[in-house]
Amino acid sequence: PVSFGSQAIAIAERSAALLPGYRDPQEQLALTLLVAGEYQRAIEVADMARGLATRTDLDGVYLNYITAKALLRLGRADEAGALINAIAASEYADAAVLVQDLRQVE
């Protein structure tokens, strides 16, 4: 039987493949990978998504959140620190919520 996580990843991968030049589906794939526990792959997809066209989150704050959370889960808090600071300094509407969530992982 196929797990729910692998099904979710497959759907997110298909969506990202259909819109390769857009950040939003790549961001959703990175988030799906993060939730599924595929932290290194989540970081790689988030890094690839930076610079792609987007209608939301022009500064990539949510990509920073995904990357920072994956880094924290991998025990790489020193690398996550700069991203957490960038999130906190941003004008993103939910920046405080994201930072609070990240501080709970540390």
PDB file of N, CA and C in Angstrom:
ATOM      1  N   PRO A   1       0.819  -1.196   0.000  1.00  0.00           N
ATOM      2  CA  PRO A   1       0.000   0.000   0.000  1.00  0.00           C
ATOM      3  C   PRO A   1       0.864   1.262   0.000  1.00  0.00           C
ATOM      4  N   VAL A   2       0.394   2.252  -0.699  1.00  0.00           N
ATOM      5  CA  VAL A   2       1.092   3.534  -0.787  1.00  0.00           C
ATOM      6  C   VAL A   2       0.681   4.399   0.399  1.00  0.00           C
ATOM      7  N   SER A   3       1.658   5.001   1.056  1.00  0.00           N
ATOM      8  CA  SER A   3       1.372   5.826   2.226  1.00  0.00           C
ATOM      9  C   SER A   3       0.767   7.166   1.820  1.00  0.00           C
ATOM     10  N   PHE A   4       0.084   7.771   2.771  1.00  0.00           N
ATOM     11  CA  PHE A   4      -0.498   9.089   2.537  1.00  0.00           C
ATOM     12  C   PHE A   4       0.577  10.101   2.175  1.00  0.00           C
ATOM     13  N   GLY A   5       1.719  10.045   2.877  1.00  0.00           N
ATOM     14  CA  GLY A   5       2.816  10.967   2.601  1.00  0.00           C
ATOM     15  C   GLY A   5       3.343  10.840   1.188  1.00  0.00           C
ATOM     16  N   SER A   6       3.517   9.624   0.720  1.00  0.00           N
ATOM     17  CA  SER A   6       4.036   9.439  -0.636  1.00  0.00           C
ATOM     18  C   SER A   6       3.009   9.860  -1.680  1.00  0.00           C
ATOM     19  N   GLN A   7       1.733   9.681  -1.387  1.00  0.00           N
ATOM     20  CA  GLN A   7       0.684  10.158  -2.300  1.00  0.00           C
ATOM     21  C   GLN A   7       0.695  11.683  -2.365  1.00  0.00           C
ATOM     22  N   ALA A   8       0.804  12.322  -1.211  1.00  0.00           N
ATOM     23  CA  ALA A   8       0.826  13.786  -1.162  1.00  0.00           C
ATOM     24  C   ALA A   8       2.032  14.328  -1.925  1.00  0.00           C
ATOM     25  N   ILE A   9       3.188  13.690  -1.749  1.00  0.00           N
ATOM     26  CA  ILE A   9       4.397  14.119  -2.459  1.00  0.00           C
ATOM     27  C   ILE A   9       4.207  13.958  -3.961  1.00  0.00           C
ATOM     28  N   ALA A  10       3.633  12.828  -4.389  1.00  0.00           N
ATOM     29  CA  ALA A  10       3.422  12.584  -5.818  1.00  0.00           C
ATOM     30  C   ALA A  10       2.499  13.642  -6.429  1.00  0.00           C
ATOM     31  N   ILE A  11       1.442  14.005  -5.718  1.00  0.00           N
ATOM     32  CA  ILE A  11       0.519  15.030  -6.212  1.00  0.00           C
ATOM     33  C   ILE A  11       1.226  16.381  -6.290  1.00  0.00           C
ATOM     34  N   ALA A  12       1.990  16.728  -5.255  1.00  0.00           N
ATOM     35  CA  ALA A  12       2.717  18.003  -5.255  1.00  0.00           C
ATOM     36  C   ALA A  12       3.761  18.029  -6.362  1.00  0.00           C
ATOM     37  N   GLU A  13       4.419  16.905  -6.604  1.00  0.00           N
ATOM     38  CA  GLU A  13       5.411  16.839  -7.684  1.00  0.00           C
ATOM     39  C   GLU A  13       4.751  17.048  -9.042  1.00  0.00           C
ATOM     40  N   ARG A  14       3.561  16.466  -9.234  1.00  0.00           N
ATOM     41  CA  ARG A  14       2.848  16.657 -10.497  1.00  0.00           C
ATOM     42  C   ARG A  14       2.459  18.111 -10.689  1.00  0.00           C
ATOM     43  N   SER A  15       1.963  18.732  -9.635  1.00  0.00           N
ATOM     44  CA  SER A  15       1.575  20.142  -9.723  1.00  0.00           C
ATOM     45  C   SER A  15       2.775  21.010 -10.067  1.00  0.00           C
ATOM     46  N   ALA A  16       3.906  20.755  -9.414  1.00  0.00           N
ATOM     47  CA  ALA A  16       5.121  21.525  -9.673  1.00  0.00           C
ATOM     48  C   ALA A  16       5.601  21.307 -11.109  1.00  0.00           C
ATOM     49  N   ALA A  17       5.460  20.091 -11.618  1.00  0.00           N
ATOM     50  CA  ALA A  17       5.893  19.787 -12.978  1.00  0.00           C
ATOM     51  C   ALA A  17       5.015  20.493 -14.017  1.00  0.00           C
ATOM     52  N   LEU A  18       3.746  20.689 -13.687  1.00  0.00           N
ATOM     53  CA  LEU A  18       2.838  21.355 -14.615  1.00  0.00           C
ATOM     54  C   LEU A  18       3.106  22.859 -14.735  1.00  0.00           C
ATOM     55  N   LEU A  19       3.674  23.443 -13.688  1.00  0.00           N
ATOM     56  CA  LEU A  19       3.961  24.879 -13.673  1.00  0.00           C
ATOM     57  C   LEU A  19       5.410  25.122 -13.254  1.00  0.00           C
ATOM     58  N   PRO A  20       6.364  24.685 -14.076  1.00  0.00           N
ATOM     59  CA  PRO A  20       7.771  24.720 -13.662  1.00  0.00           C
ATOM     60  C   PRO A  20       8.350  26.118 -13.454  1.00  0.00           C
ATOM     61  N   GLY A  21       7.778  27.134 -14.043  1.00  0.00           N
ATOM     62  CA  GLY A  21       8.340  28.470 -13.911  1.00  0.00           C
ATOM     63  C   GLY A  21       7.741  29.292 -12.787  1.00  0.00           C
ATOM     64  N   TYR A  22       6.893  28.659 -11.972  1.00  0.00           N
ATOM     65  CA  TYR A  22       6.205  29.388 -10.913  1.00  0.00           C
ATOM     66  C   TYR A  22       6.585  28.870  -9.537  1.00  0.00           C
ATOM     67  N   ARG A  23       6.755  29.796  -8.611  1.00  0.00           N
ATOM     68  CA  ARG A  23       7.213  29.453  -7.272  1.00  0.00           C
ATOM     69  C   ARG A  23       6.139  28.740  -6.442  1.00  0.00           C
ATOM     70  N   ASP A  24       4.905  29.152  -6.559  1.00  0.00           N
ATOM     71  CA  ASP A  24       3.874  28.651  -5.654  1.00  0.00           C
ATOM     72  C   ASP A  24       3.768  27.119  -5.621  1.00  0.00           C
ATOM     73  N   PRO A  25       3.716  26.426  -6.772  1.00  0.00           N
ATOM     74  CA  PRO A  25       3.659  24.960  -6.690  1.00  0.00           C
ATOM     75  C   PRO A  25       4.945  24.342  -6.143  1.00  0.00           C
ATOM     76  N   GLN A  26       6.084  24.977  -6.418  1.00  0.00           N
ATOM     77  CA  GLN A  26       7.350  24.480  -5.878  1.00  0.00           C
ATOM     78  C   GLN A  26       7.366  24.650  -4.359  1.00  0.00           C
ATOM     79  N   GLU A  27       6.829  25.777  -3.902  1.00  0.00           N
ATOM     80  CA  GLU A  27       6.750  26.049  -2.464  1.00  0.00           C
ATOM     81  C   GLU A  27       5.858  25.014  -1.782  1.00  0.00           C
ATOM     82  N   GLN A  28       4.753  24.687  -2.426  1.00  0.00           N
ATOM     83  CA  GLN A  28       3.858  23.675  -1.860  1.00  0.00           C
ATOM     84  C   GLN A  28       4.537  22.300  -1.820  1.00  0.00           C
ATOM     85  N   LEU A  29       5.326  21.993  -2.846  1.00  0.00           N
ATOM     86  CA  LEU A  29       6.077  20.734  -2.842  1.00  0.00           C
ATOM     87  C   LEU A  29       7.078  20.730  -1.699  1.00  0.00           C
ATOM     88  N   ALA A  30       7.785  21.842  -1.505  1.00  0.00           N
ATOM     89  CA  ALA A  30       8.751  21.925  -0.409  1.00  0.00           C
ATOM     90  C   ALA A  30       8.058  21.742   0.937  1.00  0.00           C
ATOM     91  N   LEU A  31       6.901  22.369   1.105  1.00  0.00           N
ATOM     92  CA  LEU A  31       6.145  22.219   2.351  1.00  0.00           C
ATOM     93  C   LEU A  31       5.686  20.782   2.544  1.00  0.00           C
ATOM     94  N   THR A  32       5.219  20.144   1.493  1.00  0.00           N
ATOM     95  CA  THR A  32       4.791  18.745   1.570  1.00  0.00           C
ATOM     96  C   THR A  32       5.955  17.851   1.982  1.00  0.00           C
ATOM     97  N   LEU A  33       7.120  18.092   1.402  1.00  0.00           N
ATOM     98  CA  LEU A  33       8.310  17.315   1.761  1.00  0.00           C
ATOM     99  C   LEU A  33       8.693  17.542   3.222  1.00  0.00           C
ATOM    100  N   LEU A  34       8.584  18.781   3.687  1.00  0.00           N
ATOM    101  CA  LEU A  34       8.880  19.103   5.082  1.00  0.00           C
ATOM    102  C   LEU A  34       7.955  18.320   6.011  1.00  0.00           C
ATOM    103  N   VAL A  35       6.664  18.359   5.733  1.00  0.00           N
ATOM    104  CA  VAL A  35       5.682  17.661   6.568  1.00  0.00           C
ATOM    105  C   VAL A  35       5.913  16.149   6.524  1.00  0.00           C
ATOM    106  N   ALA A  36       6.338  15.639   5.371  1.00  0.00           N
ATOM    107  CA  ALA A  36       6.591  14.202   5.217  1.00  0.00           C
ATOM    108  C   ALA A  36       7.914  13.770   5.834  1.00  0.00           C
ATOM    109  N   GLY A  37       8.693  14.738   6.329  1.00  0.00           N
ATOM    110  CA  GLY A  37       9.958  14.400   6.975  1.00  0.00           C
ATOM    111  C   GLY A  37      11.135  14.277   6.032  1.00  0.00           C
ATOM    112  N   GLU A  38      10.960  14.681   4.794  1.00  0.00           N
ATOM    113  CA  GLU A  38      12.060  14.654   3.825  1.00  0.00           C
ATOM    114  C   GLU A  38      12.747  16.016   3.828  1.00  0.00           C
ATOM    115  N   TYR A  39      13.461  16.285   4.921  1.00  0.00           N
ATOM    116  CA  TYR A  39      13.987  17.614   5.197  1.00  0.00           C
ATOM    117  C   TYR A  39      15.017  18.088   4.177  1.00  0.00           C
ATOM    118  N   GLN A  40      15.978  17.267   3.836  1.00  0.00           N
ATOM    119  CA  GLN A  40      17.007  17.694   2.886  1.00  0.00           C
ATOM    120  C   GLN A  40      16.395  17.998   1.531  1.00  0.00           C
ATOM    121  N   ARG A  41      15.474  17.168   1.109  1.00  0.00           N
ATOM    122  CA  ARG A  41      14.819  17.410  -0.178  1.00  0.00           C
ATOM    123  C   ARG A  41      13.966  18.683  -0.125  1.00  0.00           C
ATOM    124  N   ALA A  42      13.336  18.952   1.018  1.00  0.00           N
ATOM    125  CA  ALA A  42      12.552  20.185   1.180  1.00  0.00           C
ATOM    126  C   ALA A  42      13.455  21.401   1.013  1.00  0.00           C
ATOM    127  N   ILE A  43      14.645  21.347   1.590  1.00  0.00           N
ATOM    128  CA  ILE A  43      15.606  22.445   1.461  1.00  0.00           C
ATOM    129  C   ILE A  43      15.987  22.642  -0.008  1.00  0.00           C
ATOM    130  N   GLU A  44      16.247  21.548  -0.709  1.00  0.00           N
ATOM    131  CA  GLU A  44      16.663  21.623  -2.108  1.00  0.00           C
ATOM    132  C   GLU A  44      15.570  22.225  -2.988  1.00  0.00           C
ATOM    133  N   VAL A  45      14.326  21.799  -2.775  1.00  0.00           N
ATOM    134  CA  VAL A  45      13.217  22.332  -3.576  1.00  0.00           C
ATOM    135  C   VAL A  45      12.996  23.807  -3.252  1.00  0.00           C
ATOM    136  N   ALA A  46      13.064  24.170  -1.970  1.00  0.00           N
ATOM    137  CA  ALA A  46      12.903  25.578  -1.587  1.00  0.00           C
ATOM    138  C   ALA A  46      13.987  26.437  -2.223  1.00  0.00           C
ATOM    139  N   ASP A  47      15.224  25.957  -2.228  1.00  0.00           N
ATOM    140  CA  ASP A  47      16.321  26.704  -2.844  1.00  0.00           C
ATOM    141  C   ASP A  47      16.089  26.877  -4.340  1.00  0.00           C
ATOM    142  N   MET A  48      15.598  25.832  -4.993  1.00  0.00           N
ATOM    143  CA  MET A  48      15.328  25.891  -6.417  1.00  0.00           C
ATOM    144  C   MET A  48      14.188  26.867  -6.726  1.00  0.00           C
ATOM    145  N   ALA A  49      13.221  26.971  -5.817  1.00  0.00           N
ATOM    146  CA  ALA A  49      12.049  27.814  -6.047  1.00  0.00           C
ATOM    147  C   ALA A  49      12.355  29.303  -5.938  1.00  0.00           C
ATOM    148  N   ARG A  50      13.437  29.646  -5.247  1.00  0.00           N
ATOM    149  CA  ARG A  50      13.776  31.066  -5.095  1.00  0.00           C
ATOM    150  C   ARG A  50      14.031  31.681  -6.475  1.00  0.00           C
ATOM    151  N   GLY A  51      13.502  32.842  -6.681  1.00  0.00           N
ATOM    152  CA  GLY A  51      13.704  33.526  -7.949  1.00  0.00           C
ATOM    153  C   GLY A  51      12.655  33.217  -8.999  1.00  0.00           C
ATOM    154  N   LEU A  52      11.796  32.220  -8.756  1.00  0.00           N
ATOM    155  CA  LEU A  52      10.736  31.932  -9.709  1.00  0.00           C
ATOM    156  C   LEU A  52       9.596  32.934  -9.541  1.00  0.00           C
ATOM    157  N   ALA A  53       8.804  33.085 -10.562  1.00  0.00           N
ATOM    158  CA  ALA A  53       7.681  34.023 -10.529  1.00  0.00           C
ATOM    159  C   ALA A  53       6.666  33.605  -9.473  1.00  0.00           C
ATOM    160  N   THR A  54       6.121  34.595  -8.768  1.00  0.00           N
ATOM    161  CA  THR A  54       5.130  34.318  -7.736  1.00  0.00           C
ATOM    162  C   THR A  54       4.119  35.455  -7.662  1.00  0.00           C
ATOM    163  N   ARG A  55       2.933  35.135  -7.206  1.00  0.00           N
ATOM    164  CA  ARG A  55       1.920  36.164  -6.986  1.00  0.00           C
ATOM    165  C   ARG A  55       1.843  36.534  -5.512  1.00  0.00           C
ATOM    166  N   THR A  56       2.400  35.700  -4.681  1.00  0.00           N
ATOM    167  CA  THR A  56       2.367  35.929  -3.235  1.00  0.00           C
ATOM    168  C   THR A  56       3.783  35.867  -2.701  1.00  0.00           C
ATOM    169  N   ASP A  57       4.021  36.413  -1.532  1.00  0.00           N
ATOM    170  CA  ASP A  57       5.303  36.303  -0.838  1.00  0.00           C
ATOM    171  C   ASP A  57       6.494  36.657  -1.744  1.00  0.00           C
ATOM    172  N   LEU A  58       6.488  37.879  -2.227  1.00  0.00           N
ATOM    173  CA  LEU A  58       7.518  38.306  -3.172  1.00  0.00           C
ATOM    174  C   LEU A  58       8.933  38.189  -2.622  1.00  0.00           C
ATOM    175  N   ASP A  59       9.097  38.288  -1.312  1.00  0.00           N
ATOM    176  CA  ASP A  59      10.428  38.206  -0.707  1.00  0.00           C
ATOM    177  C   ASP A  59      10.851  36.786  -0.346  1.00  0.00           C
ATOM    178  N   GLY A  60       9.987  35.811  -0.554  1.00  0.00           N
ATOM    179  CA  GLY A  60      10.343  34.427  -0.251  1.00  0.00           C
ATOM    180  C   GLY A  60      10.402  34.100   1.228  1.00  0.00           C
ATOM    181  N   VAL A  61       9.652  34.828   2.041  1.00  0.00           N
ATOM    182  CA  VAL A  61       9.684  34.608   3.487  1.00  0.00           C
ATOM    183  C   VAL A  61       9.232  33.193   3.828  1.00  0.00           C
ATOM    184  N   TYR A  62       8.200  32.708   3.175  1.00  0.00           N
ATOM    185  CA  TYR A  62       7.714  31.362   3.498  1.00  0.00           C
ATOM    186  C   TYR A  62       8.729  30.298   3.073  1.00  0.00           C
ATOM    187  N   LEU A  63       9.446  30.544   1.988  1.00  0.00           N
ATOM    188  CA  LEU A  63      10.528  29.622   1.612  1.00  0.00           C
ATOM    189  C   LEU A  63      11.613  29.618   2.683  1.00  0.00           C
ATOM    190  N   ASN A  64      11.900  30.795   3.258  1.00  0.00           N
ATOM    191  CA  ASN A  64      12.863  30.863   4.364  1.00  0.00           C
ATOM    192  C   ASN A  64      12.366  30.052   5.550  1.00  0.00           C
ATOM    193  N   TYR A  65      11.067  30.136   5.823  1.00  0.00           N
ATOM    194  CA  TYR A  65      10.470  29.366   6.927  1.00  0.00           C
ATOM    195  C   TYR A  65      10.633  27.863   6.688  1.00  0.00           C
ATOM    196  N   ILE A  66      10.283  27.414   5.501  1.00  0.00           N
ATOM    197  CA  ILE A  66      10.392  25.986   5.182  1.00  0.00           C
ATOM    198  C   ILE A  66      11.841  25.529   5.327  1.00  0.00           C
ATOM    199  N   THR A  67      12.762  26.312   4.768  1.00  0.00           N
ATOM    200  CA  THR A  67      14.184  25.953   4.834  1.00  0.00           C
ATOM    201  C   THR A  67      14.677  25.949   6.276  1.00  0.00           C
ATOM    202  N   ALA A  68      14.326  26.988   7.045  1.00  0.00           N
ATOM    203  CA  ALA A  68      14.767  27.057   8.440  1.00  0.00           C
ATOM    204  C   ALA A  68      14.225  25.894   9.252  1.00  0.00           C
ATOM    205  N   LYS A  69      12.972  25.550   9.046  1.00  0.00           N
ATOM    206  CA  LYS A  69      12.385  24.440   9.821  1.00  0.00           C
ATOM    207  C   LYS A  69      13.060  23.123   9.460  1.00  0.00           C
ATOM    208  N   ALA A  70      13.324  22.908   8.180  1.00  0.00           N
ATOM    209  CA  ALA A  70      14.018  21.690   7.767  1.00  0.00           C
ATOM    210  C   ALA A  70      15.422  21.639   8.352  1.00  0.00           C
ATOM    211  N   LEU A  71      16.119  22.769   8.324  1.00  0.00           N
ATOM    212  CA  LEU A  71      17.464  22.818   8.907  1.00  0.00           C
ATOM    213  C   LEU A  71      17.427  22.503  10.400  1.00  0.00           C
ATOM    214  N   LEU A  72      16.447  23.063  11.102  1.00  0.00           N
ATOM    215  CA  LEU A  72      16.316  22.787  12.534  1.00  0.00           C
ATOM    216  C   LEU A  72      16.054  21.304  12.779  1.00  0.00           C
ATOM    217  N   ARG A  73      15.204  20.714  11.972  1.00  0.00           N
ATOM    218  CA  ARG A  73      14.895  19.276  12.118  1.00  0.00           C
ATOM    219  C   ARG A  73      16.124  18.418  11.844  1.00  0.00           C
ATOM    220  N   LEU A  74      17.029  18.923  11.008  1.00  0.00           N
ATOM    221  CA  LEU A  74      18.268  18.202  10.705  1.00  0.00           C
ATOM    222  C   LEU A  74      19.367  18.501  11.725  1.00  0.00           C
ATOM    223  N   GLY A  75      19.046  19.326  12.743  1.00  0.00           N
ATOM    224  CA  GLY A  75      20.031  19.660  13.767  1.00  0.00           C
ATOM    225  C   GLY A  75      21.019  20.715  13.334  1.00  0.00           C
ATOM    226  N   ARG A  76      20.667  21.520  12.350  1.00  0.00           N
ATOM    227  CA  ARG A  76      21.568  22.529  11.801  1.00  0.00           C
ATOM    228  C   ARG A  76      21.077  23.935  12.176  1.00  0.00           C
ATOM    229  N   ALA A  77      20.899  24.161  13.491  1.00  0.00           N
ATOM    230  CA  ALA A  77      20.355  25.424  14.000  1.00  0.00           C
ATOM    231  C   ALA A  77      21.218  26.620  13.621  1.00  0.00           C
ATOM    232  N   ASP A  78      22.538  26.423  13.551  1.00  0.00           N
ATOM    233  CA  ASP A  78      23.419  27.537  13.202  1.00  0.00           C
ATOM    234  C   ASP A  78      23.104  28.075  11.810  1.00  0.00           C
ATOM    235  N   GLU A  79      22.758  27.211  10.881  1.00  0.00           N
ATOM    236  CA  GLU A  79      22.410  27.642   9.527  1.00  0.00           C
ATOM    237  C   GLU A  79      21.021  28.276   9.479  1.00  0.00           C
ATOM    238  N   ALA A  80      20.145  27.844  10.351  1.00  0.00           N
ATOM    239  CA  ALA A  80      18.768  28.352  10.367  1.00  0.00           C
ATOM    240  C   ALA A  80      18.682  29.754  10.957  1.00  0.00           C
ATOM    241  N   GLY A  81      19.629  30.127  11.802  1.00  0.00           N
ATOM    242  CA  GLY A  81      19.581  31.404  12.504  1.00  0.00           C
ATOM    243  C   GLY A  81      19.413  32.611  11.615  1.00  0.00           C
ATOM    244  N   ALA A  82      20.181  32.693  10.544  1.00  0.00           N
ATOM    245  CA  ALA A  82      20.092  33.846   9.636  1.00  0.00           C
ATOM    246  C   ALA A  82      18.726  33.908   8.965  1.00  0.00           C
ATOM    247  N   LEU A  83      18.172  32.762   8.644  1.00  0.00           N
ATOM    248  CA  LEU A  83      16.849  32.734   8.015  1.00  0.00           C
ATOM    249  C   LEU A  83      15.769  33.179   8.999  1.00  0.00           C
ATOM    250  N   ILE A  84      15.888  32.739  10.244  1.00  0.00           N
ATOM    251  CA  ILE A  84      14.924  33.145  11.275  1.00  0.00           C
ATOM    252  C   ILE A  84      14.990  34.656  11.475  1.00  0.00           C
ATOM    253  N   ASN A  85      16.188  35.207  11.504  1.00  0.00           N
ATOM    254  CA  ASN A  85      16.346  36.665  11.637  1.00  0.00           C
ATOM    255  C   ASN A  85      15.749  37.403  10.443  1.00  0.00           C
ATOM    256  N   ALA A  86      15.931  36.853   9.246  1.00  0.00           N
ATOM    257  CA  ALA A  86      15.372  37.479   8.042  1.00  0.00           C
ATOM    258  C   ALA A  86      13.843  37.462   8.086  1.00  0.00           C
ATOM    259  N   ILE A  87      13.274  36.367   8.569  1.00  0.00           N
ATOM    260  CA  ILE A  87      11.818  36.285   8.702  1.00  0.00           C
ATOM    261  C   ILE A  87      11.333  37.334   9.697  1.00  0.00           C
ATOM    262  N   ALA A  88      11.999  37.417  10.836  1.00  0.00           N
ATOM    263  CA  ALA A  88      11.606  38.363  11.882  1.00  0.00           C
ATOM    264  C   ALA A  88      11.693  39.809  11.396  1.00  0.00           C
ATOM    265  N   ALA A  89      12.665  40.111  10.558  1.00  0.00           N
ATOM    266  CA  ALA A  89      12.865  41.472  10.069  1.00  0.00           C
ATOM    267  C   ALA A  89      11.971  41.813   8.873  1.00  0.00           C
ATOM    268  N   SER A  90      11.284  40.827   8.335  1.00  0.00           N
ATOM    269  CA  SER A  90      10.466  41.062   7.146  1.00  0.00           C
ATOM    270  C   SER A  90       9.157  41.757   7.500  1.00  0.00           C
ATOM    271  N   GLU A  91       8.470  42.206   6.484  1.00  0.00           N
ATOM    272  CA  GLU A  91       7.162  42.829   6.669  1.00  0.00           C
ATOM    273  C   GLU A  91       6.040  41.827   6.390  1.00  0.00           C
ATOM    274  N   TYR A  92       6.381  40.554   6.315  1.00  0.00           N
ATOM    275  CA  TYR A  92       5.402  39.494   6.063  1.00  0.00           C
ATOM    276  C   TYR A  92       4.361  39.496   7.170  1.00  0.00           C
ATOM    277  N   ALA A  93       3.096  39.424   6.798  1.00  0.00           N
ATOM    278  CA  ALA A  93       1.988  39.567   7.758  1.00  0.00           C
ATOM    279  C   ALA A  93       2.067  38.574   8.912  1.00  0.00           C
ATOM    280  N   ASP A  94       2.493  37.346   8.638  1.00  0.00           N
ATOM    281  CA  ASP A  94       2.531  36.307   9.673  1.00  0.00           C
ATOM    282  C   ASP A  94       3.941  36.010  10.161  1.00  0.00           C
ATOM    283  N   ALA A  95       4.853  36.954  10.009  1.00  0.00           N
ATOM    284  CA  ALA A  95       6.248  36.728  10.384  1.00  0.00           C
ATOM    285  C   ALA A  95       6.389  36.315  11.842  1.00  0.00           C
ATOM    286  N   ALA A  96       5.681  36.964  12.741  1.00  0.00           N
ATOM    287  CA  ALA A  96       5.792  36.651  14.171  1.00  0.00           C
ATOM    288  C   ALA A  96       5.338  35.224  14.459  1.00  0.00           C
ATOM    289  N   VAL A  97       4.297  34.782  13.780  1.00  0.00           N
ATOM    290  CA  VAL A  97       3.793  33.416  13.966  1.00  0.00           C
ATOM    291  C   VAL A  97       4.830  32.408  13.472  1.00  0.00           C
ATOM    292  N   LEU A  98       5.435  32.691  12.325  1.00  0.00           N
ATOM    293  CA  LEU A  98       6.448  31.789  11.775  1.00  0.00           C
ATOM    294  C   LEU A  98       7.653  31.700  12.688  1.00  0.00           C
ATOM    295  N   VAL A  99       8.113  32.846  13.189  1.00  0.00           N
ATOM    296  CA  VAL A  99       9.271  32.858  14.085  1.00  0.00           C
ATOM    297  C   VAL A  99       8.950  32.105  15.370  1.00  0.00           C
ATOM    298  N   GLN A 100       7.764  32.312  15.905  1.00  0.00           N
ATOM    299  CA  GLN A 100       7.368  31.606  17.130  1.00  0.00           C
ATOM    300  C   GLN A 100       7.367  30.094  16.904  1.00  0.00           C
ATOM    301  N   ASP A 101       6.852  29.658  15.771  1.00  0.00           N
ATOM    302  CA  ASP A 101       6.855  28.225  15.460  1.00  0.00           C
ATOM    303  C   ASP A 101       8.271  27.686  15.357  1.00  0.00           C
ATOM    304  N   LEU A 102       9.150  28.432  14.717  1.00  0.00           N
ATOM    305  CA  LEU A 102      10.547  28.001  14.582  1.00  0.00           C
ATOM    306  C   LEU A 102      11.249  27.937  15.915  1.00  0.00           C
ATOM    307  N   ARG A 103      10.964  28.862  16.797  1.00  0.00           N
ATOM    308  CA  ARG A 103      11.586  28.869  18.131  1.00  0.00           C
ATOM    309  C   ARG A 103      11.150  27.640  18.943  1.00  0.00           C
ATOM    310  N   GLN A 104      10.002  27.098  18.661  1.00  0.00           N
ATOM    311  CA  GLN A 104       9.535  25.894  19.344  1.00  0.00           C
ATOM    312  C   GLN A 104      10.271  24.654  18.879  1.00  0.00           C
ATOM    313  N   VAL A 105      10.812  24.686  17.663  1.00  0.00           N
ATOM    314  CA  VAL A 105      11.566  23.557  17.125  1.00  0.00           C
ATOM    315  C   VAL A 105      12.953  23.510  17.722  1.00  0.00           C
ATOM    316  N   GLU A 106      13.539  24.703  17.975  1.00  0.00           N
ATOM    317  CA  GLU A 106      14.924  24.783  18.459  1.00  0.00           C
ATOM    318  C   GLU A 106      15.129  24.068  19.736  1.00  0.00           C
TER     319      GLU A 106
END
